[in-house]
PDB file of N, CA and C in Angstrom:
ATOM      1  N   MET A   1    -208.290-134.390-104.706  1.00  0.00           N
ATOM      2  CA  MET A   1    -209.456-133.570-104.494  1.00  0.00           C
ATOM      3  C   MET A   1    -209.742-133.387-103.007  1.00  0.00           C
ATOM      4  N   GLY A   2    -209.584-134.439-102.213  1.00  0.00           N
ATOM      5  CA  GLY A   2    -209.865-134.365-100.783  1.00  0.00           C
ATOM      6  C   GLY A   2    -208.931-133.405-100.063  1.00  0.00           C
ATOM      7  N   TYR A   3    -207.665-133.424-100.449  1.00  0.00           N
ATOM      8  CA  TYR A   3    -206.689-132.540 -99.809  1.00  0.00           C
ATOM      9  C   TYR A   3    -206.993-131.075-100.093  1.00  0.00           C
ATOM     10  N   VAL A   4    -207.307-130.761-101.333  1.00  0.00           N
ATOM     11  CA  VAL A   4    -207.607-129.386-101.735  1.00  0.00           C
ATOM     12  C   VAL A   4    -208.855-128.903-101.018  1.00  0.00           C
ATOM     13  N   LEU A   5    -209.863-129.760-100.880  1.00  0.00           N
ATOM     14  CA  LEU A   5    -211.094-129.388-100.190  1.00  0.00           C
ATOM     15  C   LEU A   5    -210.810-129.092 -98.719  1.00  0.00           C
ATOM     16  N   ARG A   6    -209.975-129.929 -98.089  1.00  0.00           N
ATOM     17  CA  ARG A   6    -209.626-129.682 -96.681  1.00  0.00           C
ATOM     18  C   ARG A   6    -208.878-128.372 -96.515  1.00  0.00           C
ATOM     19  N   VAL A   7    -207.970-128.077 -97.421  1.00  0.00           N
ATOM     20  CA  VAL A   7    -207.214-126.825 -97.351  1.00  0.00           C
ATOM     21  C   VAL A   7    -208.157-125.646 -97.521  1.00  0.00           C
ATOM     22  N   ARG A   8    -209.079-125.739 -98.454  1.00  0.00           N
ATOM     23  CA  ARG A   8    -210.028-124.638 -98.677  1.00  0.00           C
ATOM     24  C   ARG A   8    -210.945-124.451 -97.472  1.00  0.00           C
ATOM     25  N   LEU A   9    -211.434-125.563 -96.914  1.00  0.00           N
ATOM     26  CA  LEU A   9    -212.287-125.458 -95.730  1.00  0.00           C
ATOM     27  C   LEU A   9    -211.520-124.869 -94.545  1.00  0.00           C
ATOM     28  N   ALA A  10    -210.299-125.298 -94.357  1.00  0.00           N
ATOM     29  CA  ALA A  10    -209.486-124.759 -93.274  1.00  0.00           C
ATOM     30  C   ALA A  10    -209.244-123.266 -93.473  1.00  0.00           C
ATOM     31  N   SER A  11    -208.977-122.878 -94.697  1.00  0.00           N
ATOM     32  CA  SER A  11    -208.769-121.461 -94.982  1.00  0.00           C
ATOM     33  C   SER A  11    -210.046-120.658 -94.739  1.00  0.00           C
ATOM     34  N   PHE A  12    -211.171-121.248 -95.163  1.00  0.00           N
ATOM     35  CA  PHE A  12    -212.447-120.563 -94.961  1.00  0.00           C
ATOM     36  C   PHE A  12    -212.732-120.364 -93.480  1.00  0.00           C
ATOM     37  N   PHE A  13    -212.596-121.423 -92.688  1.00  0.00           N
ATOM     38  CA  PHE A  13    -212.891-121.310 -91.265  1.00  0.00           C
ATOM     39  C   PHE A  13    -211.896-120.416 -90.542  1.00  0.00           C
ATOM     40  N   THR A  14    -210.655-120.418 -90.967  1.00  0.00           N
ATOM     41  CA  THR A  14    -209.670-119.499 -90.384  1.00  0.00           C
ATOM     42  C   THR A  14    -210.062-118.054 -90.670  1.00  0.00           C
ATOM     43  N   GLY A  15    -210.459-117.779 -91.891  1.00  0.00           N
ATOM     44  CA  GLY A  15    -210.903-116.436 -92.251  1.00  0.00           C
ATOM     45  C   GLY A  15    -212.164-116.031 -91.513  1.00  0.00           C
ATOM     46  N   ALA A  16    -213.100-116.957 -91.375  1.00  0.00           N
ATOM     47  CA  ALA A  16    -214.345-116.663 -90.650  1.00  0.00           C
ATOM     48  C   ALA A  16    -214.060-116.380 -89.176  1.00  0.00           C
ATOM     49  N   ALA A  17    -213.173-117.159 -88.583  1.00  0.00           N
ATOM     50  CA  ALA A  17    -212.826-116.927 -87.171  1.00  0.00           C
ATOM     51  C   ALA A  17    -212.136-115.583 -86.996  1.00  0.00           C
ATOM     52  N   THR A  18    -211.220-115.257 -87.909  1.00  0.00           N
ATOM     53  CA  THR A  18    -210.523-113.971 -87.833  1.00  0.00           C
ATOM     54  C   THR A  18    -211.508-112.817 -87.982  1.00  0.00           C
ATOM     55  N   ALA A  19    -212.430-112.929 -88.926  1.00  0.00           N
ATOM     56  CA  ALA A  19    -213.433-111.881 -89.123  1.00  0.00           C
ATOM     57  C   ALA A  19    -214.343-111.762 -87.906  1.00  0.00           C
ATOM     58  N   SER A  20    -214.685-112.879 -87.284  1.00  0.00           N
ATOM     59  CA  SER A  20    -215.531-112.855 -86.084  1.00  0.00           C
ATOM     60  C   SER A  20    -214.830-112.145 -84.940  1.00  0.00           C
ATOM     61  N   PHE A  21    -213.561-112.472 -84.728  1.00  0.00           N
ATOM     62  CA  PHE A  21    -212.815-111.811 -83.656  1.00  0.00           C
ATOM     63  C   PHE A  21    -212.669-110.319 -83.919  1.00  0.00           C
ATOM     64  N   ALA A  22    -212.395-109.966 -85.170  1.00  0.00           N
ATOM     65  CA  ALA A  22    -212.271-108.541 -85.511  1.00  0.00           C
ATOM     66  C   ALA A  22    -213.602-107.824 -85.311  1.00  0.00           C
ATOM     67  N   GLY A  23    -214.688-108.446 -85.716  1.00  0.00           N
ATOM     68  CA  GLY A  23    -216.008-107.844 -85.539  1.00  0.00           C
ATOM     69  C   GLY A  23    -216.359-107.672 -84.074  1.00  0.00           C
ATOM     70  N   LEU A  24    -216.070-108.688 -83.271  1.00  0.00           N
ATOM     71  CA  LEU A  24    -216.344-108.578 -81.836  1.00  0.00           C
ATOM     72  C   LEU A  24    -215.495-107.492 -81.185  1.00  0.00           C
ATOM     73  N   TYR A  25    -214.255-107.369 -81.596  1.00  0.00           N
ATOM     74  CA  TYR A  25    -213.390-106.323 -81.056  1.00  0.00           C
ATOM     75  C   TYR A  25    -213.945-104.942 -81.398  1.00  0.00           C
ATOM     76  N   ILE A  26    -214.371-104.762 -82.640  1.00  0.00           N
ATOM     77  CA  ILE A  26    -214.906-103.461 -83.069  1.00  0.00           C
ATOM     78  C   ILE A  26    -216.194-103.153 -82.318  1.00  0.00           C
ATOM     79  N   LEU A  27    -217.073-104.144 -82.156  1.00  0.00           N
ATOM     80  CA  LEU A  27    -218.302-103.927 -81.399  1.00  0.00           C
ATOM     81  C   LEU A  27    -218.016-103.589 -79.942  1.00  0.00           C
ATOM     82  N   HIS A  28    -217.057-104.284 -79.346  1.00  0.00           N
ATOM     83  CA  HIS A  28    -216.696-104.013 -77.955  1.00  0.00           C
ATOM     84  C   HIS A  28    -216.151-102.592 -77.805  1.00  0.00           C
ATOM     85  N   ARG A  29    -215.304-102.182 -78.730  1.00  0.00           N
ATOM     86  CA  ARG A  29    -214.746-100.834 -78.687  1.00  0.00           C
ATOM     87  C   ARG A  29    -215.844 -99.784 -78.854  1.00  0.00           C
ATOM     88  N   ASP A  30    -216.761 -99.997 -79.794  1.00  0.00           N
ATOM     89  CA  ASP A  30    -217.874 -99.074 -79.989  1.00  0.00           C
ATOM     90  C   ASP A  30    -218.750 -98.990 -78.745  1.00  0.00           C
ATOM     91  N   TYR A  31    -218.974-100.126 -78.107  1.00  0.00           N
ATOM     92  CA  TYR A  31    -219.771-100.149 -76.887  1.00  0.00           C
ATOM     93  C   TYR A  31    -219.091 -99.339 -75.782  1.00  0.00           C
ATOM     94  N   LYS A  32    -217.779 -99.513 -75.638  1.00  0.00           N
ATOM     95  CA  LYS A  32    -217.057 -98.767 -74.604  1.00  0.00           C
ATOM     96  C   LYS A  32    -217.111 -97.268 -74.877  1.00  0.00           C
ATOM     97  N   ILE A  33    -216.957 -96.863 -76.137  1.00  0.00           N
ATOM     98  CA  ILE A  33    -216.997 -95.445 -76.490  1.00  0.00           C
ATOM     99  C   ILE A  33    -218.384 -94.878 -76.206  1.00  0.00           C
ATOM    100  N   ALA A  34    -219.422 -95.615 -76.570  1.00  0.00           N
ATOM    101  CA  ALA A  34    -220.789 -95.156 -76.321  1.00  0.00           C
ATOM    102  C   ALA A  34    -221.059 -95.062 -74.822  1.00  0.00           C
ATOM    103  N   GLN A  35    -220.573 -96.013 -74.051  1.00  0.00           N
ATOM    104  CA  GLN A  35    -220.771 -95.999 -72.609  1.00  0.00           C
ATOM    105  C   GLN A  35    -220.066 -94.804 -71.978  1.00  0.00           C
ATOM    106  N   GLU A  36    -218.856 -94.509 -72.413  1.00  0.00           N
ATOM    107  CA  GLU A  36    -218.128 -93.357 -71.881  1.00  0.00           C
ATOM    108  C   GLU A  36    -218.834 -92.057 -72.234  1.00  0.00           C
ATOM    109  N   SER A  37    -219.346 -91.961 -73.449  1.00  0.00           N
ATOM    110  CA  SER A  37    -220.074 -90.771 -73.870  1.00  0.00           C
ATOM    111  C   SER A  37    -221.325 -90.580 -73.023  1.00  0.00           C
ATOM    112  N   PHE A  38    -222.052 -91.653 -72.813  1.00  0.00           N
ATOM    113  CA  PHE A  38    -223.267 -91.585 -72.005  1.00  0.00           C
ATOM    114  C   PHE A  38    -222.937 -91.191 -70.566  1.00  0.00           C
ATOM    115  N   THR A  39    -221.864 -91.749 -70.030  1.00  0.00           N
ATOM    116  CA  THR A  39    -221.448 -91.419 -68.664  1.00  0.00           C
ATOM    117  C   THR A  39    -221.083 -89.941 -68.548  1.00  0.00           C
ATOM    118  N   GLN A  40    -220.378 -89.411 -69.535  1.00  0.00           N
ATOM    119  CA  GLN A  40    -220.027 -87.990 -69.519  1.00  0.00           C
ATOM    120  C   GLN A  40    -221.270 -87.114 -69.585  1.00  0.00           C
ATOM    121  N   GLN A  41    -222.241 -87.488 -70.408  1.00  0.00           N
ATOM    122  CA  GLN A  41    -223.474 -86.715 -70.494  1.00  0.00           C
ATOM    123  C   GLN A  41    -224.214 -86.729 -69.164  1.00  0.00           C
ATOM    124  N   MET A  42    -224.283 -87.881 -68.517  1.00  0.00           N
ATOM    125  CA  MET A  42    -224.978 -87.973 -67.239  1.00  0.00           C
ATOM    126  C   MET A  42    -224.242 -87.184 -66.155  1.00  0.00           C
ATOM    127  N   ASN A  43    -222.900 -87.224 -66.178  1.00  0.00           N
ATOM    128  CA  ASN A  43    -222.142 -86.437 -65.209  1.00  0.00           C
ATOM    129  C   ASN A  43    -222.399 -84.952 -65.411  1.00  0.00           C
ATOM    130  N   GLY A  44    -222.469 -84.514 -66.664  1.00  0.00           N
ATOM    131  CA  GLY A  44    -222.773 -83.116 -66.950  1.00  0.00           C
ATOM    132  C   GLY A  44    -224.150 -82.723 -66.445  1.00  0.00           C
ATOM    133  N   LEU A  45    -225.130 -83.599 -66.634  1.00  0.00           N
ATOM    134  CA  LEU A  45    -226.473 -83.307 -66.140  1.00  0.00           C
ATOM    135  C   LEU A  45    -226.504 -83.269 -64.613  1.00  0.00           C
ATOM    136  N   HIS A  46    -225.784 -84.179 -63.965  1.00  0.00           N
ATOM    137  CA  HIS A  46    -225.750 -84.188 -62.503  1.00  0.00           C
ATOM    138  C   HIS A  46    -225.090 -82.920 -61.972  1.00  0.00           C
ATOM    139  N   GLU A  47    -224.005 -82.502 -62.595  1.00  0.00           N
ATOM    140  CA  GLU A  47    -223.327 -81.289 -62.151  1.00  0.00           C
ATOM    141  C   GLU A  47    -224.227 -80.070 -62.330  1.00  0.00           C
ATOM    142  N   SER A  48    -224.913 -80.005 -63.451  1.00  0.00           N
ATOM    143  CA  SER A  48    -225.835 -78.895 -63.706  1.00  0.00           C
ATOM    144  C   SER A  48    -226.955 -78.888 -62.672  1.00  0.00           C
ATOM    145  N   LEU A  49    -227.509 -80.049 -62.394  1.00  0.00           N
ATOM    146  CA  LEU A  49    -228.572 -80.148 -61.412  1.00  0.00           C
ATOM    147  C   LEU A  49    -228.070 -79.772 -60.016  1.00  0.00           C
ATOM    148  N   ASP A  50    -226.872 -80.216 -59.664  1.00  0.00           N
ATOM    149  CA  ASP A  50    -226.299 -79.854 -58.366  1.00  0.00           C
ATOM    150  C   ASP A  50    -226.114 -78.344 -58.239  1.00  0.00           C
ATOM    151  N   ARG A  51    -225.646 -77.693 -59.317  1.00  0.00           N
ATOM    152  CA  ARG A  51    -225.488 -76.239 -59.280  1.00  0.00           C
ATOM    153  C   ARG A  51    -226.829 -75.547 -59.105  1.00  0.00           C
ATOM    154  N   ARG A  52    -227.838 -76.016 -59.811  1.00  0.00           N
ATOM    155  CA  ARG A  52    -229.160 -75.407 -59.707  1.00  0.00           C
ATOM    156  C   ARG A  52    -229.730 -75.592 -58.306  1.00  0.00           C
ATOM    157  N   ILE A  53    -229.570 -76.772 -57.730  1.00  0.00           N
ATOM    158  CA  ILE A  53    -230.063 -77.021 -56.372  1.00  0.00           C
ATOM    159  C   ILE A  53    -229.329 -76.139 -55.373  1.00  0.00           C
ATOM    160  N   SER A  54    -228.013 -76.016 -55.530  1.00  0.00           N
ATOM    161  CA  SER A  54    -227.229 -75.178 -54.625  1.00  0.00           C
ATOM    162  C   SER A  54    -227.674 -73.728 -54.701  1.00  0.00           C
ATOM    163  N   SER A  55    -227.901 -73.236 -55.916  1.00  0.00           N
ATOM    164  CA  SER A  55    -228.330 -71.841 -56.039  1.00  0.00           C
ATOM    165  C   SER A  55    -229.719 -71.643 -55.443  1.00  0.00           C
ATOM    166  N   LEU A  56    -230.607 -72.617 -55.588  1.00  0.00           N
ATOM    167  CA  LEU A  56    -231.930 -72.507 -54.971  1.00  0.00           C
ATOM    168  C   LEU A  56    -231.840 -72.553 -53.446  1.00  0.00           C
ATOM    169  N   GLU A  57    -230.956 -73.387 -52.915  1.00  0.00           N
ATOM    170  CA  GLU A  57    -230.779 -73.445 -51.463  1.00  0.00           C
ATOM    171  C   GLU A  57    -230.224 -72.133 -50.935  1.00  0.00           C
ATOM    172  N   LYS A  58    -229.265 -71.538 -51.662  1.00  0.00           N
ATOM    173  CA  LYS A  58    -228.722 -70.235 -51.239  1.00  0.00           C
ATOM    174  C   LYS A  58    -229.795 -69.161 -51.281  1.00  0.00           C
ATOM    175  N   LEU A  59    -230.622 -69.201 -52.325  1.00  0.00           N
ATOM    176  CA  LEU A  59    -231.710 -68.232 -52.442  1.00  0.00           C
ATOM    177  C   LEU A  59    -232.686 -68.389 -51.294  1.00  0.00           C
ATOM    178  N   LYS A  60    -233.013 -69.602 -50.939  1.00  0.00           N
ATOM    179  CA  LYS A  60    -233.938 -69.845 -49.836  1.00  0.00           C
ATOM    180  C   LYS A  60    -233.333 -69.381 -48.514  1.00  0.00           C
ATOM    181  N   GLN A  61    -232.021 -69.627 -48.316  1.00  0.00           N
ATOM    182  CA  GLN A  61    -231.374 -69.190 -47.090  1.00  0.00           C
ATOM    183  C   GLN A  61    -231.382 -67.670 -46.985  1.00  0.00           C
ATOM    184  N   SER A  62    -231.121 -66.990 -48.092  1.00  0.00           N
ATOM    185  CA  SER A  62    -231.120 -65.527 -48.058  1.00  0.00           C
ATOM    186  C   SER A  62    -232.529 -64.995 -47.816  1.00  0.00           C
ATOM    187  N   GLU A  63    -233.549 -65.630 -48.391  1.00  0.00           N
ATOM    188  CA  GLU A  63    -234.928 -65.207 -48.148  1.00  0.00           C
ATOM    189  C   GLU A  63    -235.305 -65.439 -46.694  1.00  0.00           C
ATOM    190  N   THR A  64    -234.856 -66.548 -46.117  1.00  0.00           N
ATOM    191  CA  THR A  64    -235.133 -66.843 -44.712  1.00  0.00           C
ATOM    192  C   THR A  64    -234.437 -65.827 -43.813  1.00  0.00           C
ATOM    193  N   ALA A  65    -233.196 -65.496 -44.159  1.00  0.00           N
ATOM    194  CA  ALA A  65    -232.456 -64.500 -43.367  1.00  0.00           C
ATOM    195  C   ALA A  65    -233.136 -63.139 -43.456  1.00  0.00           C
ATOM    196  N   GLU A  66    -233.629 -62.765 -44.619  1.00  0.00           N
ATOM    197  CA  GLU A  66    -234.330 -61.487 -44.767  1.00  0.00           C
ATOM    198  C   GLU A  66    -235.628 -61.487 -43.990  1.00  0.00           C
ATOM    199  N   ALA A  67    -236.322 -62.613 -43.976  1.00  0.00           N
ATOM    200  CA  ALA A  67    -237.582 -62.705 -43.238  1.00  0.00           C
ATOM    201  C   ALA A  67    -237.335 -62.603 -41.734  1.00  0.00           C
ATOM    202  N   VAL A  68    -236.243 -63.204 -41.255  1.00  0.00           N
ATOM    203  CA  VAL A  68    -235.897 -63.130 -39.839  1.00  0.00           C
ATOM    204  C   VAL A  68    -235.532 -61.697 -39.460  1.00  0.00           C
ATOM    205  N   GLN A  69    -234.776 -61.033 -40.324  1.00  0.00           N
ATOM    206  CA  GLN A  69    -234.391 -59.641 -40.048  1.00  0.00           C
ATOM    207  C   GLN A  69    -235.618 -58.720 -40.080  1.00  0.00           C
ATOM    208  N   ALA A  70    -236.567 -58.994 -40.927  1.00  0.00           N
ATOM    209  CA  ALA A  70    -237.769 -58.157 -41.034  1.00  0.00           C
ATOM    210  C   ALA A  70    -238.644 -58.314 -39.809  1.00  0.00           C
ATOM    211  N   THR A  71    -238.655 -59.486 -39.181  1.00  0.00           N
ATOM    212  CA  THR A  71    -239.494 -59.696 -37.997  1.00  0.00           C
ATOM    213  C   THR A  71    -238.841 -59.151 -36.743  1.00  0.00           C
ATOM    214  N   GLU A  72    -237.570 -58.865 -36.785  1.00  0.00           N
ATOM    215  CA  GLU A  72    -236.880 -58.347 -35.586  1.00  0.00           C
ATOM    216  C   GLU A  72    -237.129 -56.911 -35.375  1.00  0.00           C
TER     217      GLU A  72
END
């Protein structure tokens, strides 16, 4: 009886350890995928914001140039 119990306990703990490692691997992979997705979204927002700022700066420069030409 003692031998069978030890074998069953060893099998149980081996299975639990394997399941834990598999679960941690899956969670780590999901975390990396979510982080990459979030990073891509933030990069897209930064690029959009940079384009908008650039277009506003160009608009301001052209308005300033027109104002200078009008005063001459």
